[in-house]
Amino acid sequence: MAAACAHRGGAGLSLCLASLGVVKTLSIAAFTLVWTHSVEKVDWQEDWRVTPHGLQLVQARVKGSGAGMEPPPEARLVDGWFQWQPARPPMPQVLLGNSGAAGEWRLCNDGSCRTLSEILGHPIGANVTTMQACDP
C-alpha cells in the first residue's frame, strides 16, 4: 500500500483503503468506523480523523457491554451508548481483520454507510484491509 498510497505530509489528505491488491482513495477528512460484535451482536462505533500524523481516533461508542467489549471506566452512558475519548496518538495505519462471524466493517461519512466490500468493489471476506492517511 505504501507505494500506491504514499503519505507525503501535504494538505488535503484523504483516506486510503487497501485489500487484496486493490487500493481506494476516499477524499474524506473524518469518518465513523462501525462493526457488529460477533458474540454480543451489538454495534461498536469509532470516530476517526485523517491528519498529517496519521489516523486519529477521536471517540469510541458501544451499545452494551460484555464478552470482551467492556467500556473503560471513563465511559459515559449517552442516549443508550457508552462513549469515551481514547487517549492515543495518531496511528500511521490501522489493520482491519474480519472473522466472518459478525458481518463486515462499515465506513460512514456524511450520513451514509458502506461496507468495505462495497467501497473496494470486491468481497473482502476474512482478508485484512489496511487504512491510512494519504495524499489524494
Protein backbone atom coordinates (compact mmCIF):
# COMPACT_ATOMS: atom_id res chain seq x y z
CA MET A 1 0.00 0.00 0.00
CA ALA A 2 2.85 2.42 0.73
CA ALA A 3 3.80 2.78 -2.93
CA ALA A 4 0.24 3.06 -4.16
CA CYS A 5 -0.86 5.47 -1.47
CA ALA A 6 2.17 7.32 -0.16
CA HIS A 7 1.77 9.83 2.67
CA ARG A 8 3.85 12.88 1.84
CA GLY A 9 2.55 15.16 4.58
CA GLY A 10 0.81 17.77 2.43
CA ALA A 11 -2.54 19.43 2.97
CA GLY A 12 -5.74 17.87 1.70
CA LEU A 13 -5.15 14.38 3.00
CA SER A 14 -7.50 11.53 2.15
CA LEU A 15 -8.20 8.06 3.50
CA CYS A 16 -6.69 5.13 1.63
CA LEU A 17 -8.04 1.60 1.96
CA ALA A 18 -6.22 -1.45 0.60
CA SER A 19 -7.20 -5.11 0.47
CA LEU A 20 -6.39 -7.99 -1.88
CA GLY A 21 -4.30 -5.74 -4.15
CA VAL A 22 -6.99 -3.08 -4.59
CA VAL A 23 -6.41 0.46 -3.25
CA LYS A 24 -9.19 3.04 -2.97
CA THR A 25 -8.68 6.68 -2.03
CA LEU A 26 -11.57 8.47 -0.33
CA SER A 27 -11.47 12.26 -0.16
CA ILE A 28 -12.72 12.50 3.41
CA ALA A 29 -11.23 14.21 6.46
CA ALA A 30 -13.33 12.33 9.04
CA PHE A 31 -15.33 9.11 9.18
CA THR A 32 -17.01 6.65 11.52
CA LEU A 33 -15.98 3.01 11.51
CA VAL A 34 -18.81 0.65 12.56
CA TRP A 35 -18.92 -3.07 13.19
CA THR A 36 -21.14 -5.58 14.98
CA HIS A 37 -19.61 -7.56 17.84
CA SER A 38 -19.51 -11.25 16.90
CA VAL A 39 -20.78 -12.55 20.26
CA GLU A 40 -22.93 -9.77 21.72
CA LYS A 41 -24.41 -8.75 18.32
CA VAL A 42 -24.34 -5.03 19.20
CA ASP A 43 -22.71 -2.21 17.27
CA TRP A 44 -19.41 -0.60 18.12
CA GLN A 45 -18.57 2.77 16.53
CA GLU A 46 -15.35 4.78 16.32
CA ASP A 47 -14.98 8.33 15.01
CA TRP A 48 -11.69 8.93 13.19
CA ARG A 49 -9.93 11.98 11.71
CA VAL A 50 -7.39 11.90 8.89
CA THR A 51 -4.40 14.04 9.97
CA PRO A 52 -0.87 14.72 8.65
CA HIS A 53 0.37 12.49 11.51
CA GLY A 54 -1.89 9.55 10.66
CA LEU A 55 -5.34 8.37 11.67
CA GLN A 56 -6.58 9.89 14.94
CA LEU A 57 -9.19 8.01 16.96
CA VAL A 58 -11.44 10.77 18.35
CA GLN A 59 -14.29 8.94 20.08
CA ALA A 60 -15.50 5.37 20.62
CA ARG A 61 -19.04 4.18 21.37
CA VAL A 62 -20.56 0.81 22.19
CA LYS A 63 -24.22 -0.04 22.71
CA GLY A 64 -23.87 -2.53 25.54
CA SER A 65 -21.10 -4.45 27.24
CA GLY A 66 -19.88 -7.99 27.81
CA ALA A 67 -17.79 -10.66 26.07
CA GLY A 68 -14.56 -8.66 25.97
CA MET A 69 -16.11 -5.33 24.97
CA GLU A 70 -16.46 -3.61 28.32
CA PRO A 71 -16.25 0.17 28.05
CA PRO A 72 -13.41 1.79 30.02
CA PRO A 73 -14.08 3.40 33.43
CA GLU A 74 -14.17 6.92 31.91
CA ALA A 75 -17.02 5.98 29.51
CA ARG A 76 -20.33 7.77 29.99
CA LEU A 77 -23.78 6.49 29.02
CA VAL A 78 -25.30 8.94 26.48
CA ASP A 79 -28.52 8.10 24.61
CA GLY A 80 -28.02 4.37 25.15
CA TRP A 81 -24.35 4.36 24.08
CA PHE A 82 -21.28 4.12 26.30
CA GLN A 83 -18.99 6.88 24.90
CA TRP A 84 -15.37 7.83 25.61
CA GLN A 85 -12.38 9.60 24.07
CA PRO A 86 -9.44 7.17 23.78
CA ALA A 87 -6.12 8.83 24.65
CA ARG A 88 -3.75 7.54 21.99
CA PRO A 89 -1.53 9.20 19.40
CA PRO A 90 -2.39 9.14 15.68
CA MET A 91 -1.59 5.81 14.02
CA PRO A 92 0.28 5.58 10.70
CA GLN A 93 -2.04 2.77 9.65
CA VAL A 94 -4.85 0.64 11.02
CA LEU A 95 -5.33 -3.01 10.05
CA LEU A 96 -8.90 -4.28 9.96
CA GLY A 97 -9.40 -8.02 10.21
CA ASN A 98 -12.70 -9.87 9.97
CA SER A 99 -13.62 -13.21 11.50
CA GLY A 100 -16.64 -13.52 9.22
CA ALA A 101 -18.82 -14.18 12.28
CA ALA A 102 -20.47 -10.75 12.55
CA GLY A 103 -20.75 -9.15 9.16
CA GLU A 104 -18.50 -6.52 7.67
CA TRP A 105 -16.79 -3.35 8.75
CA ARG A 106 -18.82 -0.33 7.65
CA LEU A 107 -17.40 3.10 6.92
CA CYS A 108 -19.79 6.03 7.43
CA ASN A 109 -19.41 9.61 6.22
CA ASP A 110 -21.95 12.40 5.64
CA GLY A 111 -24.87 10.26 6.84
CA SER A 112 -24.13 7.33 4.53
CA CYS A 113 -22.55 3.96 5.40
CA ARG A 114 -20.97 1.41 3.05
CA THR A 115 -19.28 -1.92 3.70
CA LEU A 116 -15.59 -2.26 2.86
CA SER A 117 -16.57 -4.74 0.12
CA GLU A 118 -18.80 -2.08 -1.46
CA ILE A 119 -16.04 0.54 -1.27
CA LEU A 120 -13.29 -1.71 -2.62
CA GLY A 121 -15.51 -3.33 -5.26
CA HIS A 122 -14.91 -6.96 -4.29
CA PRO A 123 -15.79 -9.27 -1.38
CA ILE A 124 -13.33 -8.76 1.50
CA GLY A 125 -14.26 -11.90 3.42
CA ALA A 126 -11.74 -12.63 6.18
CA ASN A 127 -8.92 -10.73 4.42
CA VAL A 128 -7.19 -7.80 6.12
CA THR A 129 -7.91 -4.24 4.99
CA THR A 130 -5.30 -1.52 5.64
CA MET A 131 -6.43 2.04 6.37
CA GLN A 132 -4.08 5.01 6.33
CA ALA A 133 -3.91 8.73 5.66
CA CYS A 134 -2.63 9.52 2.17
CA ASP A 135 -2.38 12.28 -0.38
CA PRO A 136 -5.28 12.28 -2.85
